[in-house]
PDB file of N, CA and C in Angstrom:
ATOM      1  N   MET A   1     308.467 197.500 241.293  1.00  0.00           N
ATOM      2  CA  MET A   1     307.624 197.120 241.618  1.00  0.00           C
ATOM      3  C   MET A   1     306.683 196.014 240.582  1.00  0.00           C
ATOM      4  N   ALA A   2     306.196 196.536 239.177  1.00  0.00           N
ATOM      5  CA  ALA A   2     305.253 195.788 238.328  1.00  0.00           C
ATOM      6  C   ALA A   2     305.717 194.512 238.262  1.00  0.00           C
ATOM      7  N   SER A   3     307.457 194.051 237.763  1.00  0.00           N
ATOM      8  CA  SER A   3     307.718 192.969 237.541  1.00  0.00           C
ATOM      9  C   SER A   3     307.629 191.861 238.780  1.00  0.00           C
ATOM     10  N   VAL A   4     307.553 192.095 240.056  1.00  0.00           N
ATOM     11  CA  VAL A   4     307.174 191.181 241.121  1.00  0.00           C
ATOM     12  C   VAL A   4     305.612 191.550 241.253  1.00  0.00           C
ATOM     13  N   GLU A   5     304.837 192.237 241.137  1.00  0.00           N
ATOM     14  CA  GLU A   5     303.582 192.089 240.809  1.00  0.00           C
ATOM     15  C   GLU A   5     303.088 191.291 239.668  1.00  0.00           C
ATOM     16  N   ILE A   6     303.858 191.329 238.484  1.00  0.00           N
ATOM     17  CA  ILE A   6     303.650 190.116 237.461  1.00  0.00           C
ATOM     18  C   ILE A   6     303.734 188.446 238.079  1.00  0.00           C
ATOM     19  N   ILE A   7     304.982 188.396 238.119  1.00  0.00           N
ATOM     20  CA  ILE A   7     305.198 187.188 239.027  1.00  0.00           C
ATOM     21  C   ILE A   7     304.653 187.013 239.873  1.00  0.00           C
ATOM     22  N   HIS A   8     303.788 187.910 240.568  1.00  0.00           N
ATOM     23  CA  HIS A   8     302.730 187.014 241.738  1.00  0.00           C
ATOM     24  C   HIS A   8     301.602 186.616 240.902  1.00  0.00           C
ATOM     25  N   ARG A   9     301.038 187.029 239.832  1.00  0.00           N
ATOM     26  CA  ARG A   9     299.558 186.650 239.399  1.00  0.00           C
ATOM     27  C   ARG A   9     299.905 185.814 238.497  1.00  0.00           C
ATOM     28  N   GLN A  10     301.093 185.377 237.824  1.00  0.00           N
ATOM     29  CA  GLN A  10     301.263 184.317 237.019  1.00  0.00           C
ATOM     30  C   GLN A  10     300.535 183.229 237.489  1.00  0.00           C
ATOM     31  N   PRO A  11     300.766 182.475 238.502  1.00  0.00           N
ATOM     32  CA  PRO A  11     300.038 181.084 239.011  1.00  0.00           C
ATOM     33  C   PRO A  11     298.368 181.599 238.790  1.00  0.00           C
ATOM     34  N   ILE A  12     297.747 182.600 239.290  1.00  0.00           N
ATOM     35  CA  ILE A  12     296.298 182.516 239.162  1.00  0.00           C
ATOM     36  C   ILE A  12     295.826 182.248 237.910  1.00  0.00           C
ATOM     37  N   HIS A  13     296.914 182.912 236.898  1.00  0.00           N
ATOM     38  CA  HIS A  13     296.108 183.054 235.433  1.00  0.00           C
ATOM     39  C   HIS A  13     296.639 181.510 235.004  1.00  0.00           C
ATOM     40  N   LEU A  14     297.226 181.139 235.032  1.00  0.00           N
ATOM     41  CA  LEU A  14     297.694 179.699 234.698  1.00  0.00           C
ATOM     42  C   LEU A  14     296.283 178.677 235.357  1.00  0.00           C
ATOM     43  N   LEU A  15     296.162 178.789 236.538  1.00  0.00           N
ATOM     44  CA  LEU A  15     295.187 178.219 237.255  1.00  0.00           C
ATOM     45  C   LEU A  15     293.811 178.919 235.898  1.00  0.00           C
ATOM     46  N   TRP A  16     293.500 179.734 236.054  1.00  0.00           N
ATOM     47  CA  TRP A  16     292.254 179.736 235.048  1.00  0.00           C
ATOM     48  C   TRP A  16     292.501 179.192 233.968  1.00  0.00           C
ATOM     49  N   TYR A  17     294.088 179.067 233.220  1.00  0.00           N
ATOM     50  CA  TYR A  17     294.018 178.287 231.928  1.00  0.00           C
ATOM     51  C   TYR A  17     293.604 176.769 231.824  1.00  0.00           C
ATOM     52  N   TRP A  18     294.018 176.774 232.726  1.00  0.00           N
ATOM     53  CA  TRP A  18     293.780 175.439 233.351  1.00  0.00           C
ATOM     54  C   TRP A  18     291.998 175.118 233.394  1.00  0.00           C
ATOM     55  N   LEU A  19     291.334 175.662 234.249  1.00  0.00           N
ATOM     56  CA  LEU A  19     290.328 175.363 234.548  1.00  0.00           C
ATOM     57  C   LEU A  19     289.677 175.544 233.169  1.00  0.00           C
ATOM     58  N   ALA A  20     289.733 176.444 232.481  1.00  0.00           N
ATOM     59  CA  ALA A  20     289.121 176.786 230.962  1.00  0.00           C
ATOM     60  C   ALA A  20     289.073 175.384 230.298  1.00  0.00           C
ATOM     61  N   PHE A  21     290.553 174.610 230.294  1.00  0.00           N
ATOM     62  CA  PHE A  21     290.901 173.678 229.439  1.00  0.00           C
ATOM     63  C   PHE A  21     290.254 172.880 229.764  1.00  0.00           C
ATOM     64  N   ILE A  22     290.368 172.125 231.228  1.00  0.00           N
ATOM     65  CA  ILE A  22     289.747 170.917 231.544  1.00  0.00           C
ATOM     66  C   ILE A  22     288.614 171.177 231.561  1.00  0.00           C
ATOM     67  N   ASN A  23     287.837 172.435 231.845  1.00  0.00           N
ATOM     68  CA  ASN A  23     286.408 172.007 231.626  1.00  0.00           C
ATOM     69  C   ASN A  23     285.699 171.869 229.745  1.00  0.00           C
ATOM     70  N   ILE A  24     286.571 172.475 229.071  1.00  0.00           N
ATOM     71  CA  ILE A  24     286.311 172.306 227.695  1.00  0.00           C
ATOM     72  C   ILE A  24     286.803 170.266 227.352  1.00  0.00           C
ATOM     73  N   ILE A  25     287.568 169.908 228.650  1.00  0.00           N
ATOM     74  CA  ILE A  25     287.658 168.565 227.924  1.00  0.00           C
ATOM     75  C   ILE A  25     286.679 167.859 228.058  1.00  0.00           C
ATOM     76  N   ALA A  26     286.104 167.964 229.793  1.00  0.00           N
ATOM     77  CA  ALA A  26     284.882 167.486 230.219  1.00  0.00           C
ATOM     78  C   ALA A  26     283.551 167.816 229.573  1.00  0.00           C
ATOM     79  N   PHE A  27     283.269 168.488 228.854  1.00  0.00           N
ATOM     80  CA  PHE A  27     281.700 169.023 228.168  1.00  0.00           C
ATOM     81  C   PHE A  27     281.815 168.289 226.596  1.00  0.00           C
ATOM     82  N   ILE A  28     283.368 167.970 225.963  1.00  0.00           N
ATOM     83  CA  ILE A  28     283.827 167.463 225.148  1.00  0.00           C
ATOM     84  C   ILE A  28     283.743 165.582 225.556  1.00  0.00           C
ATOM     85  N   ALA A  29     283.942 165.631 226.369  1.00  0.00           N
ATOM     86  CA  ALA A  29     284.264 163.867 226.720  1.00  0.00           C
ATOM     87  C   ALA A  29     282.499 163.378 226.897  1.00  0.00           C
ATOM     88  N   MET A  30     281.835 164.551 227.713  1.00  0.00           N
ATOM     89  CA  MET A  30     280.314 164.220 227.452  1.00  0.00           C
ATOM     90  C   MET A  30     279.356 163.916 226.374  1.00  0.00           C
ATOM     91  N   SER A  31     280.211 164.917 225.484  1.00  0.00           N
ATOM     92  CA  SER A  31     279.353 164.407 224.290  1.00  0.00           C
ATOM     93  C   SER A  31     280.019 163.446 223.585  1.00  0.00           C
ATOM     94  N   VAL A  32     280.951 163.245 223.025  1.00  0.00           N
ATOM     95  CA  VAL A  32     282.326 162.204 222.888  1.00  0.00           C
ATOM     96  C   VAL A  32     281.405 160.562 223.063  1.00  0.00           C
ATOM     97  N   ASP A  33     281.246 160.440 224.614  1.00  0.00           N
ATOM     98  CA  ASP A  33     280.476 159.439 224.963  1.00  0.00           C
ATOM     99  C   ASP A  33     278.851 158.847 224.810  1.00  0.00           C
ATOM    100  N   LYS A  34     278.109 160.564 224.672  1.00  0.00           N
ATOM    101  CA  LYS A  34     276.509 160.115 224.674  1.00  0.00           C
ATOM    102  C   LYS A  34     277.120 159.769 222.681  1.00  0.00           C
ATOM    103  N   TYR A  35     277.285 160.061 221.866  1.00  0.00           N
ATOM    104  CA  TYR A  35     277.639 160.022 220.950  1.00  0.00           C
ATOM    105  C   TYR A  35     278.319 158.423 220.778  1.00  0.00           C
ATOM    106  N   ARG A  36     279.023 157.718 221.708  1.00  0.00           N
ATOM    107  CA  ARG A  36     279.910 156.600 221.308  1.00  0.00           C
ATOM    108  C   ARG A  36     278.440 155.674 221.790  1.00  0.00           C
ATOM    109  N   ALA A  37     277.845 155.987 222.933  1.00  0.00           N
ATOM    110  CA  ALA A  37     276.468 155.278 223.714  1.00  0.00           C
ATOM    111  C   ALA A  37     274.947 154.907 222.516  1.00  0.00           C
ATOM    112  N   ARG A  38     275.040 156.076 221.556  1.00  0.00           N
ATOM    113  CA  ARG A  38     274.029 156.083 220.761  1.00  0.00           C
ATOM    114  C   ARG A  38     274.577 155.173 219.832  1.00  0.00           C
ATOM    115  N   ASN A  39     275.742 155.043 219.646  1.00  0.00           N
ATOM    116  CA  ASN A  39     275.909 154.495 217.943  1.00  0.00           C
ATOM    117  C   ASN A  39     277.022 152.820 218.633  1.00  0.00           C
ATOM    118  N   HIS A  40     276.705 152.462 219.549  1.00  0.00           N
ATOM    119  CA  HIS A  40     276.797 151.426 220.277  1.00  0.00           C
ATOM    120  C   HIS A  40     278.727 150.937 220.286  1.00  0.00           C
ATOM    121  N   LYS A  41     279.386 151.817 220.430  1.00  0.00           N
ATOM    122  CA  LYS A  41     280.823 151.626 220.030  1.00  0.00           C
ATOM    123  C   LYS A  41     281.540 152.104 222.130  1.00  0.00           C
ATOM    124  N   TRP A  42     282.620 151.525 221.724  1.00  0.00           N
ATOM    125  CA  TRP A  42     283.785 151.588 222.868  1.00  0.00           C
ATOM    126  C   TRP A  42     283.101 153.438 223.781  1.00  0.00           C
ATOM    127  N   ARG A  43     283.105 153.074 225.292  1.00  0.00           N
ATOM    128  CA  ARG A  43     283.018 154.234 225.549  1.00  0.00           C
ATOM    129  C   ARG A  43     283.441 154.928 226.895  1.00  0.00           C
ATOM    130  N   ILE A  44     283.441 156.152 226.721  1.00  0.00           N
ATOM    131  CA  ILE A  44     284.672 156.596 228.441  1.00  0.00           C
ATOM    132  C   ILE A  44     284.315 156.205 229.452  1.00  0.00           C
ATOM    133  N   PRO A  45     285.175 155.607 230.173  1.00  0.00           N
ATOM    134  CA  PRO A  45     284.870 154.992 231.751  1.00  0.00           C
ATOM    135  C   PRO A  45     284.589 156.327 232.239  1.00  0.00           C
ATOM    136  N   GLU A  46     283.107 155.512 233.008  1.00  0.00           N
ATOM    137  CA  GLU A  46     282.557 156.786 234.067  1.00  0.00           C
ATOM    138  C   GLU A  46     284.012 157.214 235.275  1.00  0.00           C
ATOM    139  N   LYS A  47     284.853 156.522 235.409  1.00  0.00           N
ATOM    140  CA  LYS A  47     286.015 156.993 236.414  1.00  0.00           C
ATOM    141  C   LYS A  47     286.589 158.310 235.524  1.00  0.00           C
ATOM    142  N   THR A  48     287.076 157.896 234.417  1.00  0.00           N
ATOM    143  CA  THR A  48     287.592 158.800 233.730  1.00  0.00           C
ATOM    144  C   THR A  48     286.723 160.733 233.629  1.00  0.00           C
ATOM    145  N   LEU A  49     285.300 159.823 233.369  1.00  0.00           N
ATOM    146  CA  LEU A  49     284.584 160.894 233.737  1.00  0.00           C
ATOM    147  C   LEU A  49     284.658 161.527 234.856  1.00  0.00           C
ATOM    148  N   PHE A  50     284.469 161.382 235.669  1.00  0.00           N
ATOM    149  CA  PHE A  50     284.949 161.766 237.198  1.00  0.00           C
ATOM    150  C   PHE A  50     286.258 162.445 237.390  1.00  0.00           C
ATOM    151  N   LEU A  51     287.568 161.680 237.164  1.00  0.00           N
ATOM    152  CA  LEU A  51     288.324 162.411 236.930  1.00  0.00           C
ATOM    153  C   LEU A  51     288.737 163.756 236.489  1.00  0.00           C
ATOM    154  N   PHE A  52     287.793 164.023 235.476  1.00  0.00           N
ATOM    155  CA  PHE A  52     288.098 165.214 234.598  1.00  0.00           C
ATOM    156  C   PHE A  52     287.168 166.102 235.375  1.00  0.00           C
ATOM    157  N   ALA A  53     286.525 165.723 236.293  1.00  0.00           N
ATOM    158  CA  ALA A  53     285.535 166.710 237.143  1.00  0.00           C
ATOM    159  C   ALA A  53     286.703 167.238 238.557  1.00  0.00           C
ATOM    160  N   VAL A  54     287.079 166.014 238.959  1.00  0.00           N
ATOM    161  CA  VAL A  54     287.854 166.250 240.212  1.00  0.00           C
ATOM    162  C   VAL A  54     288.932 167.343 239.829  1.00  0.00           C
ATOM    163  N   LEU A  55     289.487 166.542 238.440  1.00  0.00           N
ATOM    164  CA  LEU A  55     290.933 167.836 238.175  1.00  0.00           C
ATOM    165  C   LEU A  55     290.278 168.574 237.857  1.00  0.00           C
ATOM    166  N   GLY A  56     289.062 169.665 238.300  1.00  0.00           N
ATOM    167  CA  GLY A  56     288.458 171.203 237.883  1.00  0.00           C
ATOM    168  C   GLY A  56     287.337 171.245 236.795  1.00  0.00           C
ATOM    169  N   GLY A  57     287.339 170.175 235.686  1.00  0.00           N
ATOM    170  CA  GLY A  57     286.080 169.975 235.189  1.00  0.00           C
ATOM    171  C   GLY A  57     284.823 169.614 235.241  1.00  0.00           C
ATOM    172  N   SER A  58     284.335 170.337 236.684  1.00  0.00           N
ATOM    173  CA  SER A  58     283.476 169.598 236.898  1.00  0.00           C
ATOM    174  C   SER A  58     281.673 170.706 236.402  1.00  0.00           C
ATOM    175  N   LEU A  59     282.349 171.777 236.187  1.00  0.00           N
ATOM    176  CA  LEU A  59     281.305 172.680 235.642  1.00  0.00           C
ATOM    177  C   LEU A  59     281.264 171.986 234.402  1.00  0.00           C
ATOM    178  N   GLY A  60     281.786 171.985 233.388  1.00  0.00           N
ATOM    179  CA  GLY A  60     281.761 171.277 232.423  1.00  0.00           C
ATOM    180  C   GLY A  60     281.183 170.322 231.733  1.00  0.00           C
ATOM    181  N   GLY A  61     281.743 169.148 233.088  1.00  0.00           N
ATOM    182  CA  GLY A  61     281.239 168.225 233.678  1.00  0.00           C
ATOM    183  C   GLY A  61     279.430 167.968 232.815  1.00  0.00           C
ATOM    184  N   ILE A  62     279.182 169.626 234.215  1.00  0.00           N
ATOM    185  CA  ILE A  62     277.682 169.255 234.596  1.00  0.00           C
ATOM    186  C   ILE A  62     276.844 169.944 233.357  1.00  0.00           C
ATOM    187  N   CYS A  63     277.806 170.746 232.641  1.00  0.00           N
ATOM    188  CA  CYS A  63     276.988 171.512 231.434  1.00  0.00           C
ATOM    189  C   CYS A  63     276.756 170.464 230.197  1.00  0.00           C
ATOM    190  N   GLY A  64     278.130 169.519 229.973  1.00  0.00           N
ATOM    191  CA  GLY A  64     278.233 168.487 229.268  1.00  0.00           C
ATOM    192  C   GLY A  64     277.015 167.862 229.036  1.00  0.00           C
ATOM    193  N   MET A  65     276.356 167.283 230.586  1.00  0.00           N
ATOM    194  CA  MET A  65     275.623 166.188 231.068  1.00  0.00           C
ATOM    195  C   MET A  65     274.143 166.797 230.681  1.00  0.00           C
ATOM    196  N   TYR A  66     274.044 168.160 231.256  1.00  0.00           N
ATOM    197  CA  TYR A  66     272.278 168.545 230.795  1.00  0.00           C
ATOM    198  C   TYR A  66     272.147 168.944 229.111  1.00  0.00           C
ATOM    199  N   ALA A  67     273.282 169.480 228.679  1.00  0.00           N
ATOM    200  CA  ALA A  67     273.350 169.725 227.258  1.00  0.00           C
ATOM    201  C   ALA A  67     273.397 168.639 226.311  1.00  0.00           C
ATOM    202  N   PHE A  68     273.931 166.974 226.498  1.00  0.00           N
ATOM    203  CA  PHE A  68     272.927 166.281 225.643  1.00  0.00           C
ATOM    204  C   PHE A  68     272.300 165.172 226.278  1.00  0.00           C
ATOM    205  N   ARG A  69     272.376 165.926 227.286  1.00  0.00           N
ATOM    206  CA  ARG A  69     271.055 164.489 228.581  1.00  0.00           C
ATOM    207  C   ARG A  69     271.750 162.949 228.506  1.00  0.00           C
ATOM    208  N   HIS A  70     272.802 163.309 228.608  1.00  0.00           N
ATOM    209  CA  HIS A  70     273.931 162.005 228.946  1.00  0.00           C
ATOM    210  C   HIS A  70     274.120 162.158 230.477  1.00  0.00           C
ATOM    211  N   LYS A  71     273.933 161.094 230.878  1.00  0.00           N
ATOM    212  CA  LYS A  71     273.916 160.091 232.183  1.00  0.00           C
ATOM    213  C   LYS A  71     272.746 161.359 234.025  1.00  0.00           C
ATOM    214  N   THR A  72     272.241 161.635 232.872  1.00  0.00           N
ATOM    215  CA  THR A  72     270.933 162.422 233.575  1.00  0.00           C
ATOM    216  C   THR A  72     270.337 161.853 234.784  1.00  0.00           C
ATOM    217  N   LEU A  73     270.195 160.224 234.431  1.00  0.00           N
ATOM    218  CA  LEU A  73     269.406 160.037 235.122  1.00  0.00           C
ATOM    219  C   LEU A  73     270.162 158.530 236.207  1.00  0.00           C
ATOM    220  N   HIS A  74     271.339 159.098 236.354  1.00  0.00           N
ATOM    221  CA  HIS A  74     272.326 158.629 237.156  1.00  0.00           C
ATOM    222  C   HIS A  74     272.586 159.326 238.119  1.00  0.00           C
ATOM    223  N   LYS A  75     271.732 158.781 239.399  1.00  0.00           N
ATOM    224  CA  LYS A  75     272.354 160.040 240.055  1.00  0.00           C
ATOM    225  C   LYS A  75     274.036 159.720 241.066  1.00  0.00           C
ATOM    226  N   LYS A  76     274.643 159.077 240.833  1.00  0.00           N
ATOM    227  CA  LYS A  76     276.108 158.698 240.463  1.00  0.00           C
ATOM    228  C   LYS A  76     276.706 159.977 240.040  1.00  0.00           C
ATOM    229  N   PHE A  77     276.092 161.043 238.930  1.00  0.00           N
ATOM    230  CA  PHE A  77     276.592 161.861 238.126  1.00  0.00           C
ATOM    231  C   PHE A  77     275.341 163.528 238.343  1.00  0.00           C
ATOM    232  N   THR A  78     274.500 162.835 238.695  1.00  0.00           N
ATOM    233  CA  THR A  78     273.495 164.437 239.378  1.00  0.00           C
ATOM    234  C   THR A  78     273.900 164.698 240.489  1.00  0.00           C
ATOM    235  N   VAL A  79     274.440 164.012 241.536  1.00  0.00           N
ATOM    236  CA  VAL A  79     274.895 164.558 242.376  1.00  0.00           C
ATOM    237  C   VAL A  79     276.199 164.642 242.800  1.00  0.00           C
ATOM    238  N   GLY A  80     277.145 163.462 242.534  1.00  0.00           N
ATOM    239  CA  GLY A  80     278.760 163.741 241.890  1.00  0.00           C
ATOM    240  C   GLY A  80     279.015 164.611 241.611  1.00  0.00           C
ATOM    241  N   PHE A  81     278.462 165.154 240.392  1.00  0.00           N
ATOM    242  CA  PHE A  81     279.198 166.327 239.883  1.00  0.00           C
ATOM    243  C   PHE A  81     278.896 167.786 240.712  1.00  0.00           C
ATOM    244  N   PRO A  82     277.900 168.326 240.765  1.00  0.00           N
ATOM    245  CA  PRO A  82     277.159 169.260 241.729  1.00  0.00           C
ATOM    246  C   PRO A  82     277.954 169.165 243.332  1.00  0.00           C
ATOM    247  N   ALA A  83     278.155 167.779 244.125  1.00  0.00           N
ATOM    248  CA  ALA A  83     279.202 167.757 245.067  1.00  0.00           C
ATOM    249  C   ALA A  83     280.386 168.184 244.962  1.00  0.00           C
ATOM    250  N   ILE A  84     280.972 167.337 243.957  1.00  0.00           N
ATOM    251  CA  ILE A  84     282.462 167.844 243.434  1.00  0.00           C
ATOM    252  C   ILE A  84     282.628 169.623 243.415  1.00  0.00           C
ATOM    253  N   LEU A  85     281.841 170.003 242.256  1.00  0.00           N
ATOM    254  CA  LEU A  85     281.740 171.547 241.823  1.00  0.00           C
ATOM    255  C   LEU A  85     281.835 172.096 243.181  1.00  0.00           C
ATOM    256  N   PHE A  86     280.888 171.908 244.077  1.00  0.00           N
ATOM    257  CA  PHE A  86     280.457 172.686 245.544  1.00  0.00           C
ATOM    258  C   PHE A  86     282.245 172.765 246.472  1.00  0.00           C
ATOM    259  N   PHE A  87     282.285 171.218 246.409  1.00  0.00           N
ATOM    260  CA  PHE A  87     283.802 171.441 247.124  1.00  0.00           C
ATOM    261  C   PHE A  87     284.812 172.339 246.684  1.00  0.00           C
ATOM    262  N   GLN A  88     284.591 172.175 245.309  1.00  0.00           N
ATOM    263  CA  GLN A  88     286.081 173.273 244.618  1.00  0.00           C
ATOM    264  C   GLN A  88     285.911 174.336 244.930  1.00  0.00           C
ATOM    265  N   ILE A  89     284.401 174.867 244.935  1.00  0.00           N
ATOM    266  CA  ILE A  89     284.254 176.085 245.210  1.00  0.00           C
ATOM    267  C   ILE A  89     285.375 176.170 246.186  1.00  0.00           C
ATOM    268  N   ALA A  90     284.391 175.425 247.481  1.00  0.00           N
ATOM    269  CA  ALA A  90     284.310 175.422 248.995  1.00  0.00           C
ATOM    270  C   ALA A  90     286.355 176.272 249.135  1.00  0.00           C
ATOM    271  N   ILE A  91     286.742 175.261 248.784  1.00  0.00           N
ATOM    272  CA  ILE A  91     288.193 175.042 248.613  1.00  0.00           C
ATOM    273  C   ILE A  91     288.709 176.353 247.939  1.00  0.00           C
ATOM    274  N   GLY A  92     288.474 177.030 246.664  1.00  0.00           N
ATOM    275  CA  GLY A  92     288.745 177.995 246.656  1.00  0.00           C
ATOM    276  C   GLY A  92     288.348 179.613 247.206  1.00  0.00           C
ATOM    277  N   ILE A  93     287.126 179.415 248.065  1.00  0.00           N
ATOM    278  CA  ILE A  93     287.098 180.491 248.732  1.00  0.00           C
ATOM    279  C   ILE A  93     288.331 180.352 250.362  1.00  0.00           C
ATOM    280  N   LEU A  94     288.242 179.534 250.583  1.00  0.00           N
ATOM    281  CA  LEU A  94     289.000 179.443 251.499  1.00  0.00           C
ATOM    282  C   LEU A  94     290.616 179.564 250.804  1.00  0.00           C
ATOM    283  N   LEU A  95     290.893 179.659 249.879  1.00  0.00           N
ATOM    284  CA  LEU A  95     292.330 179.783 249.273  1.00  0.00           C
ATOM    285  C   LEU A  95     292.454 181.416 249.521  1.00  0.00           C
ATOM    286  N   TYR A  96     291.080 181.375 249.039  1.00  0.00           N
ATOM    287  CA  TYR A  96     291.027 182.902 248.700  1.00  0.00           C
ATOM    288  C   TYR A  96     291.607 184.134 249.921  1.00  0.00           C
ATOM    289  N   ARG A  97     290.509 183.362 250.331  1.00  0.00           N
ATOM    290  CA  ARG A  97     290.660 183.870 252.120  1.00  0.00           C
ATOM    291  C   ARG A  97     292.376 184.290 252.695  1.00  0.00           C
ATOM    292  N   TYR A  98     292.842 183.104 252.425  1.00  0.00           N
ATOM    293  CA  TYR A  98     293.579 182.579 253.796  1.00  0.00           C
ATOM    294  C   TYR A  98     294.917 182.640 253.201  1.00  0.00           C
ATOM    295  N   ILE A  99     295.387 182.849 251.727  1.00  0.00           N
ATOM    296  CA  ILE A  99     296.380 183.193 250.827  1.00  0.00           C
ATOM    297  C   ILE A  99     296.463 184.442 250.545  1.00  0.00           C
TER     298      ILE A  99
END
């Protein structure tokens, strides 16, 4: 019985590992992009920052946005990232309830 329970829980652990990883990446990406903006270097495309958010890193992106004061004047980010996070939380709640 214990081995069945471990197998059943494993995908959830992988999901948590993925979310931790992608949120750290999104946070770092905001930091790197801010650094590059200040130093007039090649920037991380906005599409890439949004991709990190859509892949589960929306919270890390939001934290990075405000920690580094980066993209905070762009409505696309100040509204978009929280909207993605809200949508992801809603999907998570629905999956938790019905699976």
